[in-house]
Amino acid sequence: MLEDKPDILTIGEVAEILHVSTMTLRRWDTDGVLKAFRPSKTKQRRYHKKDVIAYLQSTPDQGEKPNN
């Protein structure tokens, strides 16, 4: 699924992979669930592919926030 994706992903790409909305990803970033970074002075979020893979491996149901 992620093999053909670049190492840096947009919020839209991650939303599609995880089957969640971009608003959910923004909230998760704020809450520390799945952290994004901003590579320039713009406010656009980007995600490292390795972080998305780690999230997928840490959650029992793909795309759902783990219960803590």
N, C-alpha and C. Protein backbone atom coordinates (compact mmCIF):
# COMPACT_ATOMS: atom_id res chain seq x y z
N MET A 1 0.82 -1.19 0.00
CA MET A 1 0.00 0.00 0.00
C MET A 1 0.86 1.25 0.00
N LEU A 2 1.90 1.29 0.83
CA LEU A 2 2.73 2.49 0.93
C LEU A 2 4.05 2.37 0.17
N GLU A 3 4.32 1.20 -0.40
CA GLU A 3 5.59 0.99 -1.07
C GLU A 3 5.82 1.99 -2.21
N ASP A 4 4.76 2.34 -2.92
CA ASP A 4 4.90 3.22 -4.07
C ASP A 4 4.76 4.70 -3.72
N LYS A 5 4.59 5.00 -2.44
CA LYS A 5 4.44 6.39 -2.00
C LYS A 5 5.80 7.01 -1.69
N PRO A 6 5.92 8.33 -1.84
CA PRO A 6 7.18 9.00 -1.48
C PRO A 6 7.39 9.00 0.04
N ASP A 7 8.58 9.35 0.47
CA ASP A 7 8.90 9.37 1.90
C ASP A 7 8.17 10.48 2.65
N ILE A 8 7.78 11.54 1.95
CA ILE A 8 7.04 12.65 2.53
C ILE A 8 5.64 12.66 1.92
N LEU A 9 4.62 12.64 2.77
CA LEU A 9 3.23 12.55 2.31
C LEU A 9 2.45 13.80 2.68
N THR A 10 1.49 14.15 1.83
CA THR A 10 0.62 15.28 2.12
C THR A 10 -0.50 14.82 3.06
N ILE A 11 -1.20 15.78 3.62
CA ILE A 11 -2.31 15.45 4.51
C ILE A 11 -3.41 14.70 3.75
N GLY A 12 -3.61 15.05 2.49
CA GLY A 12 -4.61 14.36 1.67
C GLY A 12 -4.23 12.91 1.41
N GLU A 13 -2.96 12.67 1.14
CA GLU A 13 -2.51 11.30 0.91
C GLU A 13 -2.67 10.46 2.17
N VAL A 14 -2.31 11.02 3.32
CA VAL A 14 -2.43 10.27 4.58
C VAL A 14 -3.90 10.03 4.92
N ALA A 15 -4.74 11.01 4.68
CA ALA A 15 -6.19 10.83 4.93
C ALA A 15 -6.73 9.67 4.10
N GLU A 16 -6.31 9.59 2.86
CA GLU A 16 -6.75 8.51 1.98
C GLU A 16 -6.24 7.15 2.47
N ILE A 17 -4.99 7.11 2.87
CA ILE A 17 -4.39 5.86 3.35
C ILE A 17 -5.09 5.36 4.61
N LEU A 18 -5.37 6.28 5.54
CA LEU A 18 -5.95 5.90 6.83
C LEU A 18 -7.47 5.88 6.83
N HIS A 19 -8.08 6.35 5.75
CA HIS A 19 -9.54 6.40 5.65
C HIS A 19 -10.14 7.29 6.74
N VAL A 20 -9.52 8.45 6.92
CA VAL A 20 -10.03 9.45 7.85
C VAL A 20 -10.04 10.80 7.13
N SER A 21 -10.69 11.78 7.71
CA SER A 21 -10.74 13.11 7.10
C SER A 21 -9.47 13.89 7.41
N THR A 22 -9.24 14.94 6.64
CA THR A 22 -8.10 15.81 6.91
C THR A 22 -8.29 16.53 8.25
N MET A 23 -9.53 16.80 8.61
CA MET A 23 -9.79 17.43 9.92
C MET A 23 -9.38 16.50 11.06
N THR A 24 -9.63 15.21 10.90
CA THR A 24 -9.19 14.24 11.91
C THR A 24 -7.68 14.26 12.03
N LEU A 25 -6.98 14.30 10.91
CA LEU A 25 -5.51 14.34 10.95
C LEU A 25 -5.02 15.61 11.62
N ARG A 26 -5.67 16.72 11.37
CA ARG A 26 -5.28 17.98 12.04
C ARG A 26 -5.46 17.86 13.55
N ARG A 27 -6.55 17.26 13.97
CA ARG A 27 -6.80 17.06 15.40
C ARG A 27 -5.78 16.10 15.99
N TRP A 28 -5.49 15.02 15.28
CA TRP A 28 -4.49 14.06 15.75
C TRP A 28 -3.13 14.71 15.89
N ASP A 29 -2.79 15.61 14.98
CA ASP A 29 -1.52 16.34 15.07
C ASP A 29 -1.49 17.17 16.34
N THR A 30 -2.56 17.90 16.59
CA THR A 30 -2.66 18.74 17.80
C THR A 30 -2.60 17.89 19.06
N ASP A 31 -3.27 16.72 19.03
CA ASP A 31 -3.33 15.84 20.19
C ASP A 31 -2.11 14.94 20.34
N GLY A 32 -1.23 14.94 19.34
CA GLY A 32 -0.03 14.11 19.41
C GLY A 32 -0.22 12.67 18.99
N VAL A 33 -1.35 12.35 18.41
CA VAL A 33 -1.62 10.98 17.98
C VAL A 33 -0.77 10.61 16.77
N LEU A 34 -0.74 11.48 15.77
CA LEU A 34 0.09 11.30 14.59
C LEU A 34 0.62 12.68 14.21
N LYS A 35 1.87 12.92 14.54
CA LYS A 35 2.45 14.25 14.37
C LYS A 35 2.82 14.53 12.92
N ALA A 36 2.54 15.74 12.52
CA ALA A 36 2.92 16.25 11.19
C ALA A 36 4.07 17.24 11.37
N PHE A 37 4.66 17.63 10.26
CA PHE A 37 5.65 18.70 10.30
C PHE A 37 5.33 19.68 9.17
N ARG A 38 5.87 20.86 9.28
CA ARG A 38 5.66 21.89 8.27
C ARG A 38 7.03 22.25 7.68
N PRO A 39 7.28 21.85 6.42
CA PRO A 39 8.62 21.98 5.86
C PRO A 39 9.02 23.39 5.44
N SER A 40 8.09 24.31 5.44
CA SER A 40 8.41 25.67 5.02
C SER A 40 7.63 26.66 5.88
N LYS A 41 7.61 27.90 5.47
CA LYS A 41 6.89 28.91 6.24
C LYS A 41 5.37 28.80 6.07
N THR A 42 4.92 27.96 5.15
CA THR A 42 3.48 27.77 4.99
C THR A 42 2.96 26.90 6.13
N LYS A 43 1.68 26.83 6.27
CA LYS A 43 1.09 26.04 7.34
C LYS A 43 0.67 24.64 6.88
N GLN A 44 1.14 24.25 5.70
CA GLN A 44 0.77 22.94 5.17
C GLN A 44 1.46 21.83 5.94
N ARG A 45 0.67 20.85 6.35
CA ARG A 45 1.21 19.72 7.09
C ARG A 45 1.74 18.67 6.13
N ARG A 46 2.83 18.05 6.53
CA ARG A 46 3.40 16.92 5.81
C ARG A 46 3.68 15.82 6.83
N TYR A 47 3.72 14.60 6.35
CA TYR A 47 3.94 13.45 7.21
C TYR A 47 5.06 12.60 6.65
N HIS A 48 5.89 12.08 7.54
CA HIS A 48 6.91 11.12 7.14
C HIS A 48 6.22 9.76 6.96
N LYS A 49 6.52 9.09 5.87
CA LYS A 49 5.91 7.79 5.60
C LYS A 49 6.18 6.82 6.75
N LYS A 50 7.38 6.88 7.32
CA LYS A 50 7.72 5.96 8.42
C LYS A 50 6.82 6.18 9.63
N ASP A 51 6.38 7.42 9.87
CA ASP A 51 5.47 7.70 10.98
C ASP A 51 4.07 7.13 10.72
N VAL A 52 3.64 7.21 9.47
CA VAL A 52 2.33 6.65 9.10
C VAL A 52 2.37 5.13 9.24
N ILE A 53 3.46 4.51 8.81
CA ILE A 53 3.60 3.06 8.95
C ILE A 53 3.61 2.67 10.43
N ALA A 54 4.32 3.41 11.25
CA ALA A 54 4.35 3.13 12.69
C ALA A 54 2.96 3.27 13.30
N TYR A 55 2.22 4.27 12.87
CA TYR A 55 0.85 4.43 13.37
C TYR A 55 0.00 3.22 12.97
N LEU A 56 0.09 2.80 11.73
CA LEU A 56 -0.69 1.65 11.26
C LEU A 56 -0.35 0.40 12.05
N GLN A 57 0.90 0.23 12.40
CA GLN A 57 1.32 -0.95 13.16
C GLN A 57 0.90 -0.87 14.62
N SER A 58 0.65 0.34 15.12
CA SER A 58 0.33 0.50 16.55
C SER A 58 -1.16 0.46 16.84
N THR A 59 -1.99 0.55 15.82
CA THR A 59 -3.43 0.59 16.05
C THR A 59 -4.07 -0.70 15.57
N PRO A 60 -4.96 -1.27 16.38
CA PRO A 60 -5.59 -2.54 15.99
C PRO A 60 -6.51 -2.41 14.77
N ASP A 61 -7.21 -1.30 14.66
CA ASP A 61 -8.11 -1.08 13.53
C ASP A 61 -7.58 0.09 12.72
N GLN A 62 -7.10 -0.19 11.53
CA GLN A 62 -6.51 0.85 10.66
C GLN A 62 -7.42 2.04 10.54
N GLY A 63 -6.87 3.22 10.82
CA GLY A 63 -7.61 4.46 10.65
C GLY A 63 -8.40 4.90 11.86
N GLU A 64 -8.38 4.12 12.94
CA GLU A 64 -9.09 4.52 14.15
C GLU A 64 -8.07 4.90 15.22
N LYS A 65 -8.39 5.95 15.96
CA LYS A 65 -7.51 6.41 17.03
C LYS A 65 -7.45 5.34 18.11
N PRO A 66 -6.25 4.99 18.54
CA PRO A 66 -6.12 3.98 19.61
C PRO A 66 -6.67 4.52 20.93
N ASN A 67 -7.29 3.66 21.70
CA ASN A 67 -7.81 4.04 23.02
C ASN A 67 -6.67 3.99 24.03
N ASN A 68 -6.51 5.06 24.77
CA ASN A 68 -5.45 5.10 25.79
C ASN A 68 -6.06 5.12 27.15
